[in-house]
Amino acid sequence: MKPALRLLALIPICHAALFPQGRNYGRSMVITQQGVAATRTLASQAGAQILARGGSAVDAAIAANAVLCVLEPMMDGLGGDLFVIYWEAATGKLTGLNASGPAPRALSPEFLENKGVKHMPRDGIHSVTVPGAVEGWAKMHHRFGKLPWKDLFGAAIAYADQGFPVPEGIQDAWAVKKLEAHEDSARVFLPGGKAPQTGDVFRNPEMARAFRILADKGPDGFYKGEIAAAILKTSQRLGGTMTPEDLASFSSE
């Protein structure tokens, strides 16, 4: 290549380096003084509605998080954990919450070794820990909430009961092979034996029922009541070690 041609070939590269592409080619940033940022618009909307009713930031966050349990079942759920960093502008205080549940007490290294398991399993019943999110929600609400507990779950119940259109990002993450391996998962998340496609309305009435129990009875309905009984029944059927004490005694930090 001649020198002049080499120079011309370098110009586009140098131009791109000196003048980075602006943000107007893609999604804009979400910037607000009074709002809720979440990965799904419907969750942000649910949180914003709670703020409009006079709820606190914690109330709004719980409502948005609950909606995400419905909209993003592979990312959020009542069986998951919760971590919180909360800044209170009025007092200038920073609060942190660790609501990650431990393994069941009986799930010892010796137990796993007797089962022929040499490394901590990444899936299956022995990878399941005590759910921490619900207790964490309750603890944050007790300290910083303004609206009644039962008022925070209306949107989650509605989307679970009536359904929501599945967007591309969620449809792409629908892990069909893993869901097919478990009867209950396939029944709930593979309606008609297949994953919902983009735009399909997905309903989860059993999740709606769980949220109604949680809204009516509080965290005890989850850790000591009907939901706890269902968790323990499934754990026992699959050979797990979780006990009523594991659930009832959990407390976030």
C-alpha atoms as a PDB file:
ATOM      1  CA  MET A   1       0.000   0.000   0.000  1.00  0.00           C
ATOM      2  CA  LYS A   2       1.311   3.452  -0.915  1.00  0.00           C
ATOM      3  CA  PRO A   3       1.895   5.983   1.908  1.00  0.00           C
ATOM      4  CA  ALA A   4      -1.083   8.167   0.880  1.00  0.00           C
ATOM      5  CA  LEU A   5      -3.422   5.170   0.877  1.00  0.00           C
ATOM      6  CA  ARG A   6      -2.132   3.996   4.251  1.00  0.00           C
ATOM      7  CA  LEU A   7      -2.916   7.435   5.673  1.00  0.00           C
ATOM      8  CA  LEU A   8      -6.440   7.359   4.267  1.00  0.00           C
ATOM      9  CA  ALA A   9      -7.000   3.913   5.741  1.00  0.00           C
ATOM     10  CA  LEU A  10      -6.089   5.203   9.212  1.00  0.00           C
ATOM     11  CA  ILE A  11      -8.367   8.255   9.156  1.00  0.00           C
ATOM     12  CA  PRO A  12     -11.636   6.444  10.062  1.00  0.00           C
ATOM     13  CA  ILE A  13      -9.963   4.660  12.978  1.00  0.00           C
ATOM     14  CA  CYS A  14      -8.502   7.861  14.395  1.00  0.00           C
ATOM     15  CA  HIS A  15     -11.777   9.702  13.878  1.00  0.00           C
ATOM     16  CA  ALA A  16     -13.693   7.077  15.870  1.00  0.00           C
ATOM     17  CA  ALA A  17     -11.181   7.225  18.712  1.00  0.00           C
ATOM     18  CA  LEU A  18     -11.202  11.016  18.930  1.00  0.00           C
ATOM     19  CA  PHE A  19     -14.972  11.417  18.615  1.00  0.00           C
ATOM     20  CA  PRO A  20     -16.780   8.666  20.553  1.00  0.00           C
ATOM     21  CA  GLN A  21     -20.329   7.867  19.533  1.00  0.00           C
ATOM     22  CA  GLY A  22     -23.032   9.743  21.424  1.00  0.00           C
ATOM     23  CA  ARG A  23     -25.828   8.215  23.480  1.00  0.00           C
ATOM     24  CA  ASN A  24     -28.547   9.266  21.049  1.00  0.00           C
ATOM     25  CA  TYR A  25     -28.140   6.030  19.081  1.00  0.00           C
ATOM     26  CA  GLY A  26     -29.628   3.855  21.881  1.00  0.00           C
ATOM     27  CA  ARG A  27     -31.719   3.978  25.013  1.00  0.00           C
ATOM     28  CA  SER A  28     -31.551   7.170  27.029  1.00  0.00           C
ATOM     29  CA  MET A  29     -30.628   7.290  30.687  1.00  0.00           C
ATOM     30  CA  VAL A  30     -33.425   7.247  33.270  1.00  0.00           C
ATOM     31  CA  ILE A  31     -33.025  10.381  35.383  1.00  0.00           C
ATOM     32  CA  THR A  32     -35.516  11.480  38.012  1.00  0.00           C
ATOM     33  CA  GLN A  33     -35.726  13.183  41.389  1.00  0.00           C
ATOM     34  CA  GLN A  34     -38.797  11.256  42.500  1.00  0.00           C
ATOM     35  CA  GLY A  35     -39.080   7.861  40.881  1.00  0.00           C
ATOM     36  CA  VAL A  36     -38.099   4.212  40.857  1.00  0.00           C
ATOM     37  CA  ALA A  37     -35.444   2.620  38.659  1.00  0.00           C
ATOM     38  CA  ALA A  38     -35.975  -1.063  37.854  1.00  0.00           C
ATOM     39  CA  THR A  39     -35.072  -3.417  35.034  1.00  0.00           C
ATOM     40  CA  ARG A  40     -38.721  -3.587  33.877  1.00  0.00           C
ATOM     41  CA  THR A  41     -40.959  -0.616  33.178  1.00  0.00           C
ATOM     42  CA  LEU A  42     -43.961  -2.245  34.862  1.00  0.00           C
ATOM     43  CA  ALA A  43     -41.937  -2.649  38.060  1.00  0.00           C
ATOM     44  CA  SER A  44     -40.813   0.991  37.965  1.00  0.00           C
ATOM     45  CA  GLN A  45     -44.413   2.027  37.418  1.00  0.00           C
ATOM     46  CA  ALA A  46     -45.615  -0.029  40.395  1.00  0.00           C
ATOM     47  CA  GLY A  47     -43.027   1.608  42.636  1.00  0.00           C
ATOM     48  CA  ALA A  48     -43.861   5.094  41.357  1.00  0.00           C
ATOM     49  CA  GLN A  49     -47.538   4.519  42.104  1.00  0.00           C
ATOM     50  CA  ILE A  50     -46.634   3.653  45.693  1.00  0.00           C
ATOM     51  CA  LEU A  51     -44.679   6.920  45.972  1.00  0.00           C
ATOM     52  CA  ALA A  52     -47.659   8.830  44.572  1.00  0.00           C
ATOM     53  CA  ARG A  53     -49.837   7.361  47.337  1.00  0.00           C
ATOM     54  CA  GLY A  54     -47.484   8.701  50.003  1.00  0.00           C
ATOM     55  CA  GLY A  55     -45.336   5.616  50.418  1.00  0.00           C
ATOM     56  CA  SER A  56     -41.678   5.755  51.375  1.00  0.00           C
ATOM     57  CA  ALA A  57     -38.748   4.805  49.165  1.00  0.00           C
ATOM     58  CA  VAL A  58     -38.672   1.435  50.934  1.00  0.00           C
ATOM     59  CA  ASP A  59     -42.376   0.877  50.264  1.00  0.00           C
ATOM     60  CA  ALA A  60     -41.783   1.627  46.586  1.00  0.00           C
ATOM     61  CA  ALA A  61     -38.740  -0.616  46.407  1.00  0.00           C
ATOM     62  CA  ILE A  62     -40.627  -3.550  47.927  1.00  0.00           C
ATOM     63  CA  ALA A  63     -43.523  -3.094  45.510  1.00  0.00           C
ATOM     64  CA  ALA A  64     -41.151  -2.929  42.522  1.00  0.00           C
ATOM     65  CA  ASN A  65     -39.158  -5.925  43.749  1.00  0.00           C
ATOM     66  CA  ALA A  66     -42.355  -7.948  44.168  1.00  0.00           C
ATOM     67  CA  VAL A  67     -43.393  -7.171  40.593  1.00  0.00           C
ATOM     68  CA  LEU A  68     -39.971  -8.286  39.368  1.00  0.00           C
ATOM     69  CA  CYS A  69     -40.578 -11.636  41.093  1.00  0.00           C
ATOM     70  CA  VAL A  70     -43.398 -12.089  38.583  1.00  0.00           C
ATOM     71  CA  LEU A  71     -41.814 -10.501  35.508  1.00  0.00           C
ATOM     72  CA  GLU A  72     -38.303 -11.932  35.891  1.00  0.00           C
ATOM     73  CA  PRO A  73     -38.732 -15.402  37.431  1.00  0.00           C
ATOM     74  CA  MET A  74     -35.164 -16.358  36.479  1.00  0.00           C
ATOM     75  CA  MET A  75     -33.707 -13.372  38.320  1.00  0.00           C
ATOM     76  CA  ASP A  76     -36.003 -12.577  41.263  1.00  0.00           C
ATOM     77  CA  GLY A  77     -38.322 -14.595  43.453  1.00  0.00           C
ATOM     78  CA  LEU A  78     -39.894 -15.130  46.851  1.00  0.00           C
ATOM     79  CA  GLY A  79     -37.330 -17.881  47.375  1.00  0.00           C
ATOM     80  CA  GLY A  80     -34.376 -15.557  46.801  1.00  0.00           C
ATOM     81  CA  ASP A  81     -32.166 -13.312  48.909  1.00  0.00           C
ATOM     82  CA  LEU A  82     -32.121  -9.561  49.460  1.00  0.00           C
ATOM     83  CA  PHE A  83     -29.334  -7.032  49.950  1.00  0.00           C
ATOM     84  CA  VAL A  84     -30.094  -3.400  50.761  1.00  0.00           C
ATOM     85  CA  ILE A  85     -28.138  -0.160  50.979  1.00  0.00           C
ATOM     86  CA  TYR A  86     -30.459   2.601  52.189  1.00  0.00           C
ATOM     87  CA  TRP A  87     -29.573   6.278  52.561  1.00  0.00           C
ATOM     88  CA  GLU A  88     -31.893   8.364  54.713  1.00  0.00           C
ATOM     89  CA  ALA A  89     -31.498  11.953  53.592  1.00  0.00           C
ATOM     90  CA  ALA A  90     -33.340  13.438  56.591  1.00  0.00           C
ATOM     91  CA  THR A  91     -30.873  11.987  59.099  1.00  0.00           C
ATOM     92  CA  GLY A  92     -27.803  11.430  56.916  1.00  0.00           C
ATOM     93  CA  LYS A  93     -27.656   7.805  58.053  1.00  0.00           C
ATOM     94  CA  LEU A  94     -26.680   4.835  55.912  1.00  0.00           C
ATOM     95  CA  THR A  95     -28.290   1.456  56.612  1.00  0.00           C
ATOM     96  CA  GLY A  96     -27.242  -1.889  55.193  1.00  0.00           C
ATOM     97  CA  LEU A  97     -29.244  -5.112  55.285  1.00  0.00           C
ATOM     98  CA  ASN A  98     -28.041  -8.642  54.587  1.00  0.00           C
ATOM     99  CA  ALA A  99     -31.073 -10.872  54.064  1.00  0.00           C
ATOM    100  CA  SER A 100     -29.300 -13.855  52.539  1.00  0.00           C
ATOM    101  CA  GLY A 101     -30.430 -17.113  54.063  1.00  0.00           C
ATOM    102  CA  PRO A 102     -28.002 -19.825  55.180  1.00  0.00           C
ATOM    103  CA  ALA A 103     -27.961 -23.439  54.149  1.00  0.00           C
ATOM    104  CA  PRO A 104     -30.210 -25.762  56.182  1.00  0.00           C
ATOM    105  CA  ARG A 105     -28.537 -26.791  59.435  1.00  0.00           C
ATOM    106  CA  ALA A 106     -28.471 -30.450  58.465  1.00  0.00           C
ATOM    107  CA  LEU A 107     -26.735 -29.788  55.140  1.00  0.00           C
ATOM    108  CA  SER A 108     -23.265 -30.485  56.508  1.00  0.00           C
ATOM    109  CA  PRO A 109     -20.097 -31.440  54.634  1.00  0.00           C
ATOM    110  CA  GLU A 110     -20.495 -34.927  56.125  1.00  0.00           C
ATOM    111  CA  PHE A 111     -24.040 -35.225  54.770  1.00  0.00           C
ATOM    112  CA  LEU A 112     -22.903 -34.272  51.272  1.00  0.00           C
ATOM    113  CA  GLU A 113     -19.893 -36.579  51.457  1.00  0.00           C
ATOM    114  CA  ASN A 114     -22.176 -39.490  52.328  1.00  0.00           C
ATOM    115  CA  LYS A 115     -24.166 -38.644  49.204  1.00  0.00           C
ATOM    116  CA  GLY A 116     -20.996 -38.772  47.112  1.00  0.00           C
ATOM    117  CA  VAL A 117     -20.968 -34.990  46.631  1.00  0.00           C
ATOM    118  CA  LYS A 118     -17.437 -33.568  46.804  1.00  0.00           C
ATOM    119  CA  HIS A 119     -18.147 -29.996  45.743  1.00  0.00           C
ATOM    120  CA  MET A 120     -20.965 -27.660  46.666  1.00  0.00           C
ATOM    121  CA  PRO A 121     -23.687 -28.323  44.062  1.00  0.00           C
ATOM    122  CA  ARG A 122     -24.676 -25.448  41.775  1.00  0.00           C
ATOM    123  CA  ASP A 123     -28.212 -26.714  41.212  1.00  0.00           C
ATOM    124  CA  GLY A 124     -30.659 -29.208  42.643  1.00  0.00           C
ATOM    125  CA  ILE A 125     -32.212 -29.352  46.106  1.00  0.00           C
ATOM    126  CA  HIS A 126     -28.850 -29.233  47.941  1.00  0.00           C
ATOM    127  CA  SER A 127     -28.090 -25.826  46.419  1.00  0.00           C
ATOM    128  CA  VAL A 128     -31.234 -24.342  47.994  1.00  0.00           C
ATOM    129  CA  THR A 129     -30.783 -22.023  50.979  1.00  0.00           C
ATOM    130  CA  VAL A 130     -33.305 -20.522  53.380  1.00  0.00           C
ATOM    131  CA  PRO A 131     -35.197 -17.757  51.511  1.00  0.00           C
ATOM    132  CA  GLY A 132     -34.189 -14.363  52.859  1.00  0.00           C
ATOM    133  CA  ALA A 133     -35.969 -11.759  50.729  1.00  0.00           C
ATOM    134  CA  VAL A 134     -39.365 -11.792  52.438  1.00  0.00           C
ATOM    135  CA  GLU A 135     -37.930 -11.367  55.948  1.00  0.00           C
ATOM    136  CA  GLY A 136     -35.693  -8.605  54.615  1.00  0.00           C
ATOM    137  CA  TRP A 137     -38.674  -6.809  53.088  1.00  0.00           C
ATOM    138  CA  ALA A 138     -40.501  -7.052  56.411  1.00  0.00           C
ATOM    139  CA  LYS A 139     -37.574  -5.733  58.433  1.00  0.00           C
ATOM    140  CA  MET A 140     -37.045  -2.762  56.106  1.00  0.00           C
ATOM    141  CA  HIS A 141     -40.776  -2.030  56.051  1.00  0.00           C
ATOM    142  CA  HIS A 142     -41.014  -2.129  59.838  1.00  0.00           C
ATOM    143  CA  ARG A 143     -38.290   0.480  60.122  1.00  0.00           C
ATOM    144  CA  PHE A 144     -38.834   2.709  57.090  1.00  0.00           C
ATOM    145  CA  GLY A 145     -42.277   1.903  55.666  1.00  0.00           C
ATOM    146  CA  LYS A 146     -45.252   4.271  55.671  1.00  0.00           C
ATOM    147  CA  LEU A 147     -48.047   2.429  53.852  1.00  0.00           C
ATOM    148  CA  PRO A 148     -49.667  -0.742  55.215  1.00  0.00           C
ATOM    149  CA  TRP A 149     -47.775  -3.937  54.342  1.00  0.00           C
ATOM    150  CA  LYS A 150     -50.728  -5.426  52.465  1.00  0.00           C
ATOM    151  CA  ASP A 151     -50.881  -2.425  50.116  1.00  0.00           C
ATOM    152  CA  LEU A 152     -47.436  -3.146  48.640  1.00  0.00           C
ATOM    153  CA  PHE A 153     -48.309  -6.276  46.688  1.00  0.00           C
ATOM    154  CA  GLY A 154     -51.350  -5.295  44.620  1.00  0.00           C
ATOM    155  CA  ALA A 155     -49.420  -4.849  41.362  1.00  0.00           C
ATOM    156  CA  ALA A 156     -47.497  -8.124  41.771  1.00  0.00           C
ATOM    157  CA  ILE A 157     -50.745  -9.997  42.429  1.00  0.00           C
ATOM    158  CA  ALA A 158     -52.406  -8.409  39.371  1.00  0.00           C
ATOM    159  CA  TYR A 159     -49.562  -9.231  36.966  1.00  0.00           C
ATOM    160  CA  ALA A 160     -49.285 -12.784  38.267  1.00  0.00           C
ATOM    161  CA  ASP A 161     -53.034 -13.356  38.102  1.00  0.00           C
ATOM    162  CA  GLN A 162     -53.898 -11.526  34.868  1.00  0.00           C
ATOM    163  CA  GLY A 163     -50.566 -12.056  33.135  1.00  0.00           C
ATOM    164  CA  PHE A 164     -48.064  -9.828  31.350  1.00  0.00           C
ATOM    165  CA  PRO A 165     -46.654  -9.746  27.800  1.00  0.00           C
ATOM    166  CA  VAL A 166     -43.246 -11.448  27.770  1.00  0.00           C
ATOM    167  CA  PRO A 167     -40.526  -9.078  26.398  1.00  0.00           C
ATOM    168  CA  GLU A 168     -37.524 -10.187  24.318  1.00  0.00           C
ATOM    169  CA  GLY A 169     -34.990 -10.088  27.134  1.00  0.00           C
ATOM    170  CA  ILE A 170     -37.065 -12.356  29.366  1.00  0.00           C
ATOM    171  CA  GLN A 171     -38.023 -14.729  26.568  1.00  0.00           C
ATOM    172  CA  ASP A 172     -34.361 -15.182  25.635  1.00  0.00           C
ATOM    173  CA  ALA A 173     -33.536 -16.185  29.234  1.00  0.00           C
ATOM    174  CA  TRP A 174     -36.286 -18.819  29.527  1.00  0.00           C
ATOM    175  CA  ALA A 175     -34.092 -21.863  30.316  1.00  0.00           C
ATOM    176  CA  VAL A 176     -36.237 -24.558  28.713  1.00  0.00           C
ATOM    177  CA  LYS A 177     -33.899 -27.509  29.285  1.00  0.00           C
ATOM    178  CA  LYS A 178     -33.519 -26.802  33.005  1.00  0.00           C
ATOM    179  CA  LEU A 179     -37.255 -26.273  33.388  1.00  0.00           C
ATOM    180  CA  GLU A 180     -38.071 -29.511  31.586  1.00  0.00           C
ATOM    181  CA  ALA A 181     -35.945 -31.437  34.083  1.00  0.00           C
ATOM    182  CA  HIS A 182     -38.331 -30.663  36.967  1.00  0.00           C
ATOM    183  CA  GLU A 183     -42.025 -31.515  36.880  1.00  0.00           C
ATOM    184  CA  ASP A 184     -43.230 -28.534  38.909  1.00  0.00           C
ATOM    185  CA  SER A 185     -41.051 -26.055  37.012  1.00  0.00           C
ATOM    186  CA  ALA A 186     -42.267 -27.381  33.671  1.00  0.00           C
ATOM    187  CA  ARG A 187     -45.890 -27.195  34.779  1.00  0.00           C
ATOM    188  CA  VAL A 188     -45.616 -23.572  35.877  1.00  0.00           C
ATOM    189  CA  PHE A 189     -43.151 -22.067  33.411  1.00  0.00           C
ATOM    190  CA  LEU A 190     -43.737 -24.120  30.260  1.00  0.00           C
ATOM    191  CA  PRO A 191     -47.473 -23.724  29.630  1.00  0.00           C
ATOM    192  CA  GLY A 192     -48.578 -26.148  26.946  1.00  0.00           C
ATOM    193  CA  GLY A 193     -45.151 -27.776  27.112  1.00  0.00           C
ATOM    194  CA  LYS A 194     -43.216 -24.856  25.656  1.00  0.00           C
ATOM    195  CA  ALA A 195     -41.732 -21.536  26.680  1.00  0.00           C
ATOM    196  CA  PRO A 196     -43.819 -18.428  26.016  1.00  0.00           C
ATOM    197  CA  GLN A 197     -42.671 -16.408  23.031  1.00  0.00           C
ATOM    198  CA  THR A 198     -42.133 -12.665  22.842  1.00  0.00           C
ATOM    199  CA  GLY A 199     -45.499 -10.955  23.211  1.00  0.00           C
ATOM    200  CA  ASP A 200     -47.269 -13.978  24.696  1.00  0.00           C
ATOM    201  CA  VAL A 201     -49.181 -13.262  27.887  1.00  0.00           C
ATOM    202  CA  PHE A 202     -47.746 -15.363  30.715  1.00  0.00           C
ATOM    203  CA  ARG A 203     -49.811 -15.976  33.841  1.00  0.00           C
ATOM    204  CA  ASN A 204     -48.719 -17.460  37.157  1.00  0.00           C
ATOM    205  CA  PRO A 205     -51.865 -17.798  39.315  1.00  0.00           C
ATOM    206  CA  GLU A 206     -50.027 -19.829  41.973  1.00  0.00           C
ATOM    207  CA  MET A 207     -47.605 -16.941  42.440  1.00  0.00           C
ATOM    208  CA  ALA A 208     -50.587 -14.619  42.776  1.00  0.00           C
ATOM    209  CA  ARG A 209     -51.969 -16.873  45.509  1.00  0.00           C
ATOM    210  CA  ALA A 210     -48.618 -16.858  47.328  1.00  0.00           C
ATOM    211  CA  PHE A 211     -48.525 -13.053  47.252  1.00  0.00           C
ATOM    212  CA  ARG A 212     -52.088 -12.883  48.578  1.00  0.00           C
ATOM    213  CA  ILE A 213     -51.072 -15.066  51.526  1.00  0.00           C
ATOM    214  CA  LEU A 214     -48.022 -12.889  52.112  1.00  0.00           C
ATOM    215  CA  ALA A 215     -50.042  -9.676  51.905  1.00  0.00           C
ATOM    216  CA  ASP A 216     -52.733 -10.935  54.297  1.00  0.00           C
ATOM    217  CA  LYS A 217     -50.612 -12.769  56.869  1.00  0.00           C
ATOM    218  CA  GLY A 218     -47.250 -11.034  56.664  1.00  0.00           C
ATOM    219  CA  PRO A 219     -43.894 -12.796  56.808  1.00  0.00           C
ATOM    220  CA  ASP A 220     -45.253 -15.441  59.208  1.00  0.00           C
ATOM    221  CA  GLY A 221     -47.452 -16.644  56.360  1.00  0.00           C
ATOM    222  CA  PHE A 222     -44.259 -17.357  54.464  1.00  0.00           C
ATOM    223  CA  TYR A 223     -41.907 -18.702  57.152  1.00  0.00           C
ATOM    224  CA  LYS A 224     -44.400 -20.493  59.406  1.00  0.00           C
ATOM    225  CA  GLY A 225     -47.638 -20.920  57.489  1.00  0.00           C
ATOM    226  CA  GLU A 226     -48.960 -22.375  54.278  1.00  0.00           C
ATOM    227  CA  ILE A 227     -46.039 -21.323  52.078  1.00  0.00           C
ATOM    228  CA  ALA A 228     -43.525 -22.782  54.549  1.00  0.00           C
ATOM    229  CA  ALA A 229     -45.428 -26.069  54.507  1.00  0.00           C
ATOM    230  CA  ALA A 230     -45.253 -26.151  50.706  1.00  0.00           C
ATOM    231  CA  ILE A 231     -41.513 -25.416  50.720  1.00  0.00           C
ATOM    232  CA  LEU A 232     -40.842 -28.198  53.233  1.00  0.00           C
ATOM    233  CA  LYS A 233     -43.023 -30.687  51.368  1.00  0.00           C
ATOM    234  CA  THR A 234     -41.100 -30.104  48.149  1.00  0.00           C
ATOM    235  CA  SER A 235     -37.739 -30.226  49.920  1.00  0.00           C
ATOM    236  CA  GLN A 236     -38.571 -33.551  51.563  1.00  0.00           C
ATOM    237  CA  ARG A 237     -39.825 -35.030  48.293  1.00  0.00           C
ATOM    238  CA  LEU A 238     -36.542 -34.147  46.602  1.00  0.00           C
ATOM    239  CA  GLY A 239     -34.365 -35.413  49.462  1.00  0.00           C
ATOM    240  CA  GLY A 240     -33.557 -32.016  50.973  1.00  0.00           C
ATOM    241  CA  THR A 241     -32.702 -31.287  54.593  1.00  0.00           C
ATOM    242  CA  MET A 242     -34.630 -28.077  55.324  1.00  0.00           C
ATOM    243  CA  THR A 243     -36.729 -28.097  58.512  1.00  0.00           C
ATOM    244  CA  PRO A 244     -39.476 -25.877  59.982  1.00  0.00           C
ATOM    245  CA  GLU A 245     -36.888 -24.477  62.394  1.00  0.00           C
ATOM    246  CA  ASP A 246     -34.612 -23.439  59.513  1.00  0.00           C
ATOM    247  CA  LEU A 247     -37.410 -21.301  58.095  1.00  0.00           C
ATOM    248  CA  ALA A 248     -38.994 -19.995  61.296  1.00  0.00           C
ATOM    249  CA  SER A 249     -35.730 -18.961  62.954  1.00  0.00           C
ATOM    250  CA  PHE A 250     -34.286 -16.931  60.070  1.00  0.00           C
ATOM    251  CA  SER A 251     -33.507 -13.277  60.772  1.00  0.00           C
ATOM    252  CA  SER A 252     -31.689 -10.890  58.468  1.00  0.00           C
ATOM    253  CA  GLU A 253     -28.800  -8.726  59.683  1.00  0.00           C
END
